[in-house]
C-alpha atoms as a PDB file:
ATOM      1  CA  MET A   1      82.791 129.842  45.703  1.00  0.00           C
ATOM      2  CA  LYS A   2      81.199 132.894  47.322  1.00  0.00           C
ATOM      3  CA  LEU A   3      77.755 131.427  46.632  1.00  0.00           C
ATOM      4  CA  LEU A   4      78.810 128.167  48.277  1.00  0.00           C
ATOM      5  CA  LEU A   5      80.075 129.995  51.371  1.00  0.00           C
ATOM      6  CA  LEU A   6      76.871 132.040  51.556  1.00  0.00           C
ATOM      7  CA  SER A   7      74.756 128.891  51.279  1.00  0.00           C
ATOM      8  CA  PHE A   8      76.759 127.270  54.066  1.00  0.00           C
ATOM      9  CA  ALA A   9      76.354 130.336  56.281  1.00  0.00           C
ATOM     10  CA  LEU A  10      72.597 130.392  55.707  1.00  0.00           C
ATOM     11  CA  PHE A  11      72.364 126.664  56.470  1.00  0.00           C
ATOM     12  CA  ALA A  12      74.334 127.125  59.689  1.00  0.00           C
ATOM     13  CA  ALA A  13      72.069 129.985  60.760  1.00  0.00           C
ATOM     14  CA  ALA A  14      68.995 127.860  60.059  1.00  0.00           C
ATOM     15  CA  CYS A  15      70.411 125.033  62.162  1.00  0.00           C
ATOM     16  CA  SER A  16      70.906 127.168  65.243  1.00  0.00           C
ATOM     17  CA  GLN A  17      71.107 130.812  66.148  1.00  0.00           C
ATOM     18  CA  PHE A  18      73.532 129.935  68.937  1.00  0.00           C
ATOM     19  CA  SER A  19      77.184 130.744  68.367  1.00  0.00           C
ATOM     20  CA  GLU A  20      79.735 127.949  68.455  1.00  0.00           C
ATOM     21  CA  ASN A  21      80.834 129.100  71.915  1.00  0.00           C
ATOM     22  CA  ALA A  22      77.256 128.929  73.182  1.00  0.00           C
ATOM     23  CA  GLN A  23      76.787 125.468  71.686  1.00  0.00           C
ATOM     24  CA  GLU A  24      79.910 124.275  73.493  1.00  0.00           C
ATOM     25  CA  ALA A  25      78.739 125.835  76.771  1.00  0.00           C
ATOM     26  CA  ILE A  26      75.282 124.242  76.531  1.00  0.00           C
ATOM     27  CA  LEU A  27      76.830 120.866  75.746  1.00  0.00           C
ATOM     28  CA  LYS A  28      79.282 121.205  78.641  1.00  0.00           C
ATOM     29  CA  ILE A  29      76.492 121.899  81.140  1.00  0.00           C
ATOM     30  CA  HIS A  30      74.753 118.725  79.989  1.00  0.00           C
ATOM     31  CA  ASN A  31      77.883 116.585  80.174  1.00  0.00           C
ATOM     32  CA  ASP A  32      78.999 118.041  83.506  1.00  0.00           C
ATOM     33  CA  LEU A  33      75.664 117.020  85.034  1.00  0.00           C
ATOM     34  CA  ARG A  34      75.829 113.602  83.384  1.00  0.00           C
ATOM     35  CA  SER A  35      79.365 113.113  84.709  1.00  0.00           C
ATOM     36  CA  ALA A  36      78.380 114.135  88.239  1.00  0.00           C
ATOM     37  CA  VAL A  37      75.674 111.472  88.179  1.00  0.00           C
ATOM     38  CA  ALA A  38      77.772 108.847  86.380  1.00  0.00           C
ATOM     39  CA  LEU A  39      80.654 108.996  88.866  1.00  0.00           C
ATOM     40  CA  GLY A  40      78.322 108.230  91.766  1.00  0.00           C
ATOM     41  CA  GLY A  41      77.582 110.051  94.973  1.00  0.00           C
ATOM     42  CA  TYR A  42      75.392 112.682  93.308  1.00  0.00           C
ATOM     43  CA  GLU A  43      73.291 113.968  96.197  1.00  0.00           C
ATOM     44  CA  VAL A  44      69.859 115.549  95.919  1.00  0.00           C
ATOM     45  CA  GLN A  45      68.058 116.686  99.072  1.00  0.00           C
ATOM     46  CA  GLY A  46      69.841 114.093 101.162  1.00  0.00           C
ATOM     47  CA  VAL A  47      69.392 111.248  98.668  1.00  0.00           C
ATOM     48  CA  GLU A  48      72.698 109.960  97.250  1.00  0.00           C
ATOM     49  CA  HIS A  49      72.415 108.339  93.846  1.00  0.00           C
ATOM     50  CA  PRO A  50      74.502 105.369  92.694  1.00  0.00           C
ATOM     51  CA  ALA A  51      76.959 105.533  89.802  1.00  0.00           C
ATOM     52  CA  ALA A  52      75.829 104.950  86.216  1.00  0.00           C
ATOM     53  CA  ALA A  53      77.118 102.018  84.186  1.00  0.00           C
ATOM     54  CA  ASN A  54      75.876 103.247  80.802  1.00  0.00           C
ATOM     55  CA  MET A  55      75.882 107.068  80.771  1.00  0.00           C
ATOM     56  CA  ILE A  56      76.760 108.199  77.236  1.00  0.00           C
ATOM     57  CA  LYS A  57      78.736 111.403  76.693  1.00  0.00           C
ATOM     58  CA  MET A  58      76.545 113.759  74.701  1.00  0.00           C
ATOM     59  CA  ARG A  59      77.566 115.274  71.386  1.00  0.00           C
ATOM     60  CA  TRP A  60      76.120 118.296  69.611  1.00  0.00           C
ATOM     61  CA  SER A  61      73.781 117.387  66.764  1.00  0.00           C
ATOM     62  CA  PRO A  62      73.291 119.910  63.923  1.00  0.00           C
ATOM     63  CA  ALA A  63      70.256 117.889  62.801  1.00  0.00           C
ATOM     64  CA  SER A  64      68.652 118.182  66.236  1.00  0.00           C
ATOM     65  CA  ALA A  65      69.580 121.875  66.374  1.00  0.00           C
ATOM     66  CA  LYS A  66      67.785 122.350  63.060  1.00  0.00           C
ATOM     67  CA  THR A  67      64.518 120.781  64.261  1.00  0.00           C
ATOM     68  CA  ALA A  68      64.775 122.627  67.578  1.00  0.00           C
ATOM     69  CA  GLN A  69      65.317 125.919  65.754  1.00  0.00           C
ATOM     70  CA  ALA A  70      62.361 125.229  63.480  1.00  0.00           C
ATOM     71  CA  TYR A  71      60.066 124.855  66.482  1.00  0.00           C
ATOM     72  CA  ALA A  72      61.578 127.817  68.327  1.00  0.00           C
ATOM     73  CA  ASN A  73      60.840 129.915  65.241  1.00  0.00           C
ATOM     74  CA  THR A  74      57.106 129.258  65.706  1.00  0.00           C
ATOM     75  CA  CYS A  75      57.149 130.933  69.158  1.00  0.00           C
ATOM     76  CA  SER A  76      54.380 128.513  70.128  1.00  0.00           C
ATOM     77  CA  ASP A  77      53.198 127.730  73.621  1.00  0.00           C
ATOM     78  CA  GLY A  78      53.624 124.159  74.813  1.00  0.00           C
ATOM     79  CA  GLU A  79      55.485 121.209  73.332  1.00  0.00           C
ATOM     80  CA  SER A  80      55.893 120.484  69.641  1.00  0.00           C
ATOM     81  CA  GLY A  81      54.626 116.919  69.860  1.00  0.00           C
ATOM     82  CA  GLN A  82      57.329 115.743  67.465  1.00  0.00           C
ATOM     83  CA  ALA A  83      57.551 111.954  67.556  1.00  0.00           C
ATOM     84  CA  ASN A  84      60.604 110.094  68.862  1.00  0.00           C
ATOM     85  CA  VAL A  85      62.411 113.257  69.945  1.00  0.00           C
ATOM     86  CA  GLY A  86      63.134 114.404  73.485  1.00  0.00           C
ATOM     87  CA  GLU A  87      62.356 118.072  73.996  1.00  0.00           C
ATOM     88  CA  ASN A  88      63.117 120.719  76.620  1.00  0.00           C
ATOM     89  CA  ILE A  89      61.680 124.224  76.375  1.00  0.00           C
ATOM     90  CA  TYR A  90      62.694 127.381  78.233  1.00  0.00           C
ATOM     91  CA  LEU A  91      61.034 130.791  78.093  1.00  0.00           C
ATOM     92  CA  ASP A  92      62.466 134.077  79.291  1.00  0.00           C
ATOM     93  CA  TRP A  93      61.656 137.759  78.900  1.00  0.00           C
ATOM     94  CA  SER A  94      63.818 140.839  78.466  1.00  0.00           C
ATOM     95  CA  GLN A  95      62.809 144.475  78.876  1.00  0.00           C
ATOM     96  CA  LYS A  96      65.330 145.411  76.175  1.00  0.00           C
ATOM     97  CA  ASN A  97      65.722 143.891  72.734  1.00  0.00           C
ATOM     98  CA  PRO A  98      68.738 141.585  73.286  1.00  0.00           C
ATOM     99  CA  SER A  99      71.624 141.923  70.847  1.00  0.00           C
ATOM    100  CA  SER A 100      72.736 138.328  71.483  1.00  0.00           C
ATOM    101  CA  LEU A 101      70.699 135.280  72.446  1.00  0.00           C
ATOM    102  CA  ASP A 102      73.604 133.076  73.554  1.00  0.00           C
ATOM    103  CA  LYS A 103      73.096 133.611  77.283  1.00  0.00           C
ATOM    104  CA  TYR A 104      69.538 132.307  77.089  1.00  0.00           C
ATOM    105  CA  GLY A 105      70.712 128.885  75.955  1.00  0.00           C
ATOM    106  CA  ILE A 106      73.153 128.729  78.847  1.00  0.00           C
ATOM    107  CA  ASN A 107      70.486 129.960  81.280  1.00  0.00           C
ATOM    108  CA  ALA A 108      68.107 127.310  79.961  1.00  0.00           C
ATOM    109  CA  ALA A 109      70.528 124.430  80.519  1.00  0.00           C
ATOM    110  CA  VAL A 110      71.390 125.664  84.018  1.00  0.00           C
ATOM    111  CA  SER A 111      67.714 126.102  84.885  1.00  0.00           C
ATOM    112  CA  TRP A 112      66.842 122.581  83.764  1.00  0.00           C
ATOM    113  CA  SER A 113      69.763 121.064  85.668  1.00  0.00           C
ATOM    114  CA  GLU A 114      68.646 122.822  88.856  1.00  0.00           C
ATOM    115  CA  GLN A 115      65.272 121.064  88.853  1.00  0.00           C
ATOM    116  CA  PHE A 116      66.793 118.212  90.861  1.00  0.00           C
ATOM    117  CA  SER A 117      67.821 120.522  93.702  1.00  0.00           C
ATOM    118  CA  TYR A 118      64.470 122.334  93.658  1.00  0.00           C
ATOM    119  CA  PHE A 119      62.107 119.373  93.469  1.00  0.00           C
ATOM    120  CA  GLY A 120      64.188 116.388  94.592  1.00  0.00           C
ATOM    121  CA  TRP A 121      64.977 113.138  92.802  1.00  0.00           C
ATOM    122  CA  SER A 122      64.269 109.904  94.582  1.00  0.00           C
ATOM    123  CA  SER A 123      64.618 107.128  91.996  1.00  0.00           C
ATOM    124  CA  THR A 124      66.590 106.170  88.887  1.00  0.00           C
ATOM    125  CA  TYR A 125      63.413 104.495  87.591  1.00  0.00           C
ATOM    126  CA  LEU A 126      60.999 106.744  85.705  1.00  0.00           C
ATOM    127  CA  ASP A 127      57.405 106.241  86.737  1.00  0.00           C
ATOM    128  CA  GLU A 128      54.475 108.629  86.336  1.00  0.00           C
ATOM    129  CA  GLU A 129      55.017 110.191  89.755  1.00  0.00           C
ATOM    130  CA  THR A 130      58.673 110.959  89.025  1.00  0.00           C
ATOM    131  CA  LEU A 131      57.891 112.349  85.571  1.00  0.00           C
ATOM    132  CA  GLU A 132      55.251 114.704  86.967  1.00  0.00           C
ATOM    133  CA  SER A 133      57.333 115.875  89.946  1.00  0.00           C
ATOM    134  CA  GLY A 134      58.839 118.874  88.145  1.00  0.00           C
ATOM    135  CA  ILE A 135      62.127 117.287  87.033  1.00  0.00           C
ATOM    136  CA  LYS A 136      61.374 116.044  83.519  1.00  0.00           C
ATOM    137  CA  ASP A 137      63.798 118.486  81.867  1.00  0.00           C
ATOM    138  CA  ALA A 138      66.581 117.378  84.220  1.00  0.00           C
ATOM    139  CA  THR A 139      65.843 113.672  83.739  1.00  0.00           C
ATOM    140  CA  GLN A 140      66.032 114.203  79.973  1.00  0.00           C
ATOM    141  CA  MET A 141      69.439 115.807  80.497  1.00  0.00           C
ATOM    142  CA  VAL A 142      70.723 112.711  82.339  1.00  0.00           C
ATOM    143  CA  TRP A 143      68.880 110.047  80.345  1.00  0.00           C
ATOM    144  CA  ALA A 144      71.739 107.595  79.866  1.00  0.00           C
ATOM    145  CA  LYS A 145      70.914 106.448  76.333  1.00  0.00           C
ATOM    146  CA  THR A 146      70.521 109.971  74.945  1.00  0.00           C
ATOM    147  CA  GLY A 147      73.683 110.658  72.973  1.00  0.00           C
ATOM    148  CA  TYR A 148      72.866 113.810  71.023  1.00  0.00           C
ATOM    149  CA  VAL A 149      71.489 117.263  71.754  1.00  0.00           C
ATOM    150  CA  GLY A 150      70.901 120.280  69.553  1.00  0.00           C
ATOM    151  CA  CYS A 151      69.239 123.559  70.468  1.00  0.00           C
ATOM    152  CA  GLY A 152      67.691 126.595  68.848  1.00  0.00           C
ATOM    153  CA  VAL A 153      66.585 130.006  70.088  1.00  0.00           C
ATOM    154  CA  LYS A 154      64.232 132.712  68.885  1.00  0.00           C
ATOM    155  CA  ASN A 155      63.578 136.294  69.881  1.00  0.00           C
ATOM    156  CA  CYS A 156      59.792 136.284  69.522  1.00  0.00           C
ATOM    157  CA  GLY A 157      59.522 140.054  69.905  1.00  0.00           C
ATOM    158  CA  PRO A 158      57.363 142.062  72.315  1.00  0.00           C
ATOM    159  CA  ASP A 159      54.946 139.791  74.163  1.00  0.00           C
ATOM    160  CA  PRO A 160      51.446 141.338  74.266  1.00  0.00           C
ATOM    161  CA  GLN A 161      50.574 139.071  77.188  1.00  0.00           C
ATOM    162  CA  THR A 162      53.046 140.874  79.461  1.00  0.00           C
ATOM    163  CA  TYR A 163      52.235 144.234  81.048  1.00  0.00           C
ATOM    164  CA  THR A 164      55.403 145.849  79.722  1.00  0.00           C
ATOM    165  CA  GLN A 165      55.378 143.926  76.424  1.00  0.00           C
ATOM    166  CA  ALA A 166      58.807 142.514  77.227  1.00  0.00           C
ATOM    167  CA  TYR A 167      60.692 140.628  74.532  1.00  0.00           C
ATOM    168  CA  LYS A 168      59.900 136.922  74.691  1.00  0.00           C
ATOM    169  CA  ILE A 169      62.840 134.537  74.166  1.00  0.00           C
ATOM    170  CA  MET A 170      62.188 130.863  73.414  1.00  0.00           C
ATOM    171  CA  VAL A 171      64.877 128.185  73.746  1.00  0.00           C
ATOM    172  CA  VAL A 172      64.248 124.653  72.490  1.00  0.00           C
ATOM    173  CA  CYS A 173      66.567 121.655  72.794  1.00  0.00           C
ATOM    174  CA  HIS A 174      65.937 118.369  71.004  1.00  0.00           C
ATOM    175  CA  TYR A 175      67.412 115.070  72.164  1.00  0.00           C
ATOM    176  CA  ARG A 176      68.100 111.760  70.426  1.00  0.00           C
ATOM    177  CA  ALA A 177      67.566 109.065  71.469  1.00  0.00           C
ATOM    178  CA  MET A 178      64.483 110.357  73.232  1.00  0.00           C
ATOM    179  CA  GLY A 179      64.492 110.170  77.016  1.00  0.00           C
ATOM    180  CA  ASN A 180      61.742 110.261  79.619  1.00  0.00           C
ATOM    181  CA  VAL A 181      60.272 106.932  78.532  1.00  0.00           C
ATOM    182  CA  LEU A 182      57.839 105.797  81.209  1.00  0.00           C
ATOM    183  CA  ASP A 183      58.623 102.639  83.155  1.00  0.00           C
ATOM    184  CA  GLU A 184      62.263 102.573  82.071  1.00  0.00           C
ATOM    185  CA  GLU A 185      65.487 103.238  83.951  1.00  0.00           C
ATOM    186  CA  ILE A 186      66.892 106.753  83.660  1.00  0.00           C
ATOM    187  CA  TYR A 187      70.246 105.015  83.794  1.00  0.00           C
ATOM    188  CA  GLU A 188      71.629 101.600  84.696  1.00  0.00           C
ATOM    189  CA  GLU A 189      73.100 101.487  88.170  1.00  0.00           C
ATOM    190  CA  GLY A 190      76.632 100.086  88.383  1.00  0.00           C
ATOM    191  CA  GLU A 191      80.308 100.978  88.279  1.00  0.00           C
ATOM    192  CA  SER A 192      80.904 104.064  86.132  1.00  0.00           C
ATOM    193  CA  CYS A 193      80.915 103.263  82.385  1.00  0.00           C
ATOM    194  CA  SER A 194      81.138  99.531  83.075  1.00  0.00           C
ATOM    195  CA  ASN A 195      78.443  98.799  80.485  1.00  0.00           C
ATOM    196  CA  CYS A 196      79.113 101.213  77.634  1.00  0.00           C
ATOM    197  CA  PRO A 197      77.572 100.569  74.208  1.00  0.00           C
ATOM    198  CA  ALA A 198      79.896  98.790  71.773  1.00  0.00           C
ATOM    199  CA  TYR A 199      80.517 102.000  69.806  1.00  0.00           C
ATOM    200  CA  ARG A 200      81.637 103.995  72.890  1.00  0.00           C
ATOM    201  CA  VAL A 201      84.675 103.751  75.184  1.00  0.00           C
ATOM    202  CA  CYS A 202      84.992 104.590  78.862  1.00  0.00           C
ATOM    203  CA  GLU A 203      86.295 108.038  79.758  1.00  0.00           C
ATOM    204  CA  ASP A 204      87.606 107.384  83.264  1.00  0.00           C
ATOM    205  CA  GLU A 205      87.832 110.983  84.450  1.00  0.00           C
ATOM    206  CA  THR A 206      84.181 111.734  83.641  1.00  0.00           C
ATOM    207  CA  GLY A 207      82.640 108.301  84.064  1.00  0.00           C
ATOM    208  CA  LEU A 208      81.000 108.741  80.660  1.00  0.00           C
ATOM    209  CA  CYS A 209      80.884 106.471  77.628  1.00  0.00           C
ATOM    210  CA  ALA A 210      82.622 108.727  75.107  1.00  0.00           C
END
């Protein structure tokens, strides 16, 4: 029995170094943004976006957290290139060796969501110009057909490329189904959750297909 519990604990750690509270917080930031868009009237730099008819409520995916953690563990620069998976990456540095990495996942999700306010968002249709405008992490967060997210984090240790050799922290989130598909709608415009997939039901208060 003890061996079974130990195996489960090791599996959970491999899936994600984020605590359960951090996982819930990261997921909430995603769904709060999705709800704000889905309900309509979401305004970015004076542009008000219509409601979403098909915005799915995200769920946490241990499988996605596992693949995200595996890539975070490499401490690589750039994207993983993994096929058929949406991916957001966030890097941060700390002068002290952090005892907990939870806050970096929350900071990552907030940072990605703020791309809309920093760079603007003019269309619910994803063309090359929109994708390259600095908002691709945010558009992945609100990609209507993406139903699952899972994230991992790694303390990569002192970074020799920084003057003070600060500790480099890498956060990776993986998304399924993959978003940011060129020449597709980020979401379908229409009355909130009026066109939910057959396996989801409308959650009136959030406007999401839960």
